[in-house]
């Protein structure tokens, strides 16, 4: 089962930088993500910045399958066009990962101009991930962890930040 982490930042640029760092950590096998989204409050208007467009993914898959099926009926281009259209439509209505309504509701509680990173994390190497993110000065806004686990996480982040300060 995955854990939800919501980390607040002073601006969208920092949140996007953190998302990039977390994606890099995933490539390094330090964290396994189910979803990661940057949510921004633009003066009361909530913007969700998804990592991947489900419509685009659906269109690509639909075009592939439509083309293959179209080959059977000697109309591959028509098959690709129909497949891409239906795939994009299906992808648009597919919601995987963190629920969009939850992100919009919680995003409305953010101060205007600020942003948060919403992550569904399947697993992570705690010390390496915390060490890699400590310099960004994020604030854990909410998680699906128990109170004791959250306290432990906050203590670990504080220790990593103080270690970072003493190294500078």
Protein backbone atom coordinates (compact mmCIF):
# COMPACT_ATOMS: atom_id res chain seq x y z
CA UNK A 1 0.00 0.00 0.00
CA UNK A 2 1.27 3.46 -0.88
CA UNK A 3 1.64 6.41 1.47
CA UNK A 4 0.46 9.91 0.59
CA UNK A 5 2.81 12.82 1.30
CA UNK A 6 1.88 16.47 0.75
CA UNK A 7 4.83 18.85 1.06
CA UNK A 8 4.33 22.63 0.83
CA UNK A 9 6.76 25.09 -0.77
CA UNK A 10 7.00 28.86 -1.06
CA UNK A 11 6.54 28.85 -4.84
CA UNK A 12 5.86 26.65 -7.86
CA UNK A 13 9.46 26.82 -9.12
CA UNK A 14 10.74 25.15 -5.94
CA UNK A 15 7.97 22.53 -6.06
CA UNK A 16 8.82 21.74 -9.70
CA UNK A 17 12.52 21.48 -8.81
CA UNK A 18 11.66 19.06 -6.00
CA UNK A 19 9.50 16.97 -8.34
CA UNK A 20 12.43 16.78 -10.75
CA UNK A 21 14.75 15.69 -7.95
CA UNK A 22 12.28 13.04 -6.77
CA UNK A 23 11.90 11.69 -10.31
CA UNK A 24 15.69 11.50 -10.50
CA UNK A 25 15.71 9.60 -7.20
CA UNK A 26 13.21 7.17 -8.69
CA UNK A 27 15.63 6.53 -11.57
CA UNK A 28 18.30 5.89 -8.93
CA UNK A 29 15.94 3.35 -7.26
CA UNK A 30 15.81 5.35 -4.01
CA UNK A 31 12.04 5.88 -4.19
CA UNK A 32 9.14 4.17 -5.96
CA UNK A 33 6.30 6.51 -6.91
CA UNK A 34 2.74 5.72 -7.90
CA UNK A 35 2.01 9.38 -8.67
CA UNK A 36 3.52 12.84 -8.22
CA UNK A 37 1.70 16.12 -8.91
CA UNK A 38 2.53 19.78 -8.29
CA UNK A 39 -0.51 21.74 -7.07
CA UNK A 40 -0.37 25.52 -7.27
CA UNK A 41 -2.64 28.19 -5.83
CA UNK A 42 -2.73 31.07 -8.33
CA UNK A 43 -4.63 33.65 -6.33
CA UNK A 44 -7.45 31.29 -5.46
CA UNK A 45 -7.40 29.34 -8.73
CA UNK A 46 -5.98 25.85 -8.19
CA UNK A 47 -3.77 24.41 -10.96
CA UNK A 48 -2.75 20.75 -11.09
CA UNK A 49 0.52 20.10 -12.91
CA UNK A 50 0.47 16.36 -13.66
CA UNK A 51 3.69 14.57 -14.53
CA UNK A 52 2.07 12.78 -17.49
CA UNK A 53 -1.04 13.43 -19.52
CA UNK A 54 -3.33 10.39 -19.40
CA UNK A 55 -4.97 11.58 -22.63
CA UNK A 56 -1.59 11.54 -24.36
CA UNK A 57 -0.73 8.10 -23.02
CA UNK A 58 -4.16 6.82 -24.08
CA UNK A 59 -3.81 8.34 -27.56
CA UNK A 60 -0.42 6.71 -28.10
CA UNK A 61 -1.64 3.30 -26.96
CA UNK A 62 -4.85 3.64 -28.94
CA UNK A 63 -2.96 4.59 -32.10
CA UNK A 64 -0.73 1.55 -31.75
CA UNK A 65 -3.58 -0.89 -31.23
CA UNK A 66 -5.76 0.85 -33.83
CA UNK A 67 -2.96 0.59 -36.38
CA UNK A 68 -2.47 -3.10 -35.68
CA UNK A 69 -6.19 -3.82 -35.94
CA UNK A 70 -6.37 -1.61 -39.04
CA UNK A 71 -3.72 -3.79 -40.69
CA UNK A 72 -6.12 -6.72 -40.44
CA UNK A 73 -8.71 -4.78 -42.43
CA UNK A 74 -6.22 -3.12 -44.81
CA UNK A 75 -6.88 0.35 -43.37
CA UNK A 76 -4.04 0.99 -40.91
CA UNK A 77 -4.22 4.79 -41.08
CA UNK A 78 -7.95 4.81 -40.38
CA UNK A 79 -7.40 2.32 -37.56
CA UNK A 80 -4.65 4.48 -36.06
CA UNK A 81 -6.83 7.60 -36.23
CA UNK A 82 -9.83 5.90 -34.63
CA UNK A 83 -7.60 4.20 -32.03
CA UNK A 84 -5.85 7.45 -31.12
CA UNK A 85 -9.18 9.25 -30.72
CA UNK A 86 -10.76 6.60 -28.53
CA UNK A 87 -7.53 6.14 -26.56
CA UNK A 88 -7.28 9.88 -25.87
CA UNK A 89 -10.91 10.00 -24.78
CA UNK A 90 -10.49 7.00 -22.48
CA UNK A 91 -7.26 8.48 -21.05
CA UNK A 92 -8.96 11.80 -20.37
CA UNK A 93 -11.49 10.09 -18.12
CA UNK A 94 -8.96 7.83 -16.42
CA UNK A 95 -7.83 9.07 -13.01
CA UNK A 96 -4.97 7.14 -11.49
CA UNK A 97 -2.93 8.07 -8.45
CA UNK A 98 -3.92 10.93 -6.16
CA UNK A 99 -7.57 11.94 -6.56
CA UNK A 100 -7.89 15.25 -8.45
CA UNK A 101 -10.76 16.45 -6.24
CA UNK A 102 -8.68 15.87 -3.11
CA UNK A 103 -5.78 17.84 -4.60
CA UNK A 104 -8.06 20.73 -5.55
CA UNK A 105 -9.69 20.79 -2.10
CA UNK A 106 -6.38 20.73 -0.25
CA UNK A 107 -4.81 23.10 -2.79
CA UNK A 108 -7.43 25.71 -1.95
CA UNK A 109 -6.00 25.80 1.60
CA UNK A 110 -2.60 26.86 0.24
CA UNK A 111 -1.69 30.53 0.44
CA UNK A 112 -1.87 32.33 -2.92
CA UNK A 113 1.40 32.00 -4.85
CA UNK A 114 2.50 28.87 -3.02
CA UNK A 115 2.59 25.27 -4.22
CA UNK A 116 2.69 21.73 -2.90
CA UNK A 117 3.96 18.40 -4.14
CA UNK A 118 1.48 15.54 -3.76
CA UNK A 119 3.18 12.13 -3.83
CA UNK A 120 1.91 8.58 -3.61
CA UNK A 121 4.99 6.66 -2.51
CA UNK A 122 5.12 2.86 -2.65
CA UNK A 123 8.56 2.61 -1.02
CA UNK A 124 11.61 4.73 -0.29
CA UNK A 125 15.04 4.66 1.28
CA UNK A 126 14.30 7.10 4.09
CA UNK A 127 17.77 8.44 4.89
CA UNK A 128 18.77 8.99 1.24
CA UNK A 129 15.48 10.63 0.23
CA UNK A 130 15.39 12.93 3.27
CA UNK A 131 19.04 13.89 2.75
CA UNK A 132 18.34 14.65 -0.91
CA UNK A 133 15.34 16.86 -0.17
CA UNK A 134 16.41 18.61 3.05
CA UNK A 135 17.84 21.68 1.30
CA UNK A 136 14.49 22.63 -0.30
CA UNK A 137 12.91 23.77 2.99
CA UNK A 138 9.56 22.11 2.38
CA UNK A 139 6.93 21.66 5.06
CA UNK A 140 5.09 18.38 5.51
CA UNK A 141 1.47 19.51 5.31
CA UNK A 142 -0.23 16.14 5.47
CA UNK A 143 0.48 12.44 5.09
CA UNK A 144 -1.18 9.08 5.48
CA UNK A 145 1.38 8.09 8.14
CA UNK A 146 0.52 7.57 11.78
CA UNK A 147 1.26 10.41 14.19
CA UNK A 148 4.33 8.57 15.49
CA UNK A 149 5.64 7.98 11.97
CA UNK A 150 5.07 11.66 11.09
CA UNK A 151 6.96 12.75 14.23
CA UNK A 152 9.84 10.44 13.31
CA UNK A 153 9.87 11.84 9.76
CA UNK A 154 9.90 15.45 11.02
CA UNK A 155 12.76 14.65 13.39
CA UNK A 156 14.73 13.00 10.58
CA UNK A 157 14.19 16.02 8.31
CA UNK A 158 15.26 18.43 11.08
CA UNK A 159 18.41 16.37 11.68
CA UNK A 160 19.21 16.33 7.95
CA UNK A 161 18.71 20.10 7.72
CA UNK A 162 20.96 20.79 10.72
CA UNK A 163 23.61 18.50 9.23
CA UNK A 164 23.31 20.44 5.96
CA UNK A 165 23.78 23.77 7.79
CA UNK A 166 26.88 22.56 9.66
CA UNK A 167 28.45 21.34 6.39
CA UNK A 168 28.13 24.79 4.80
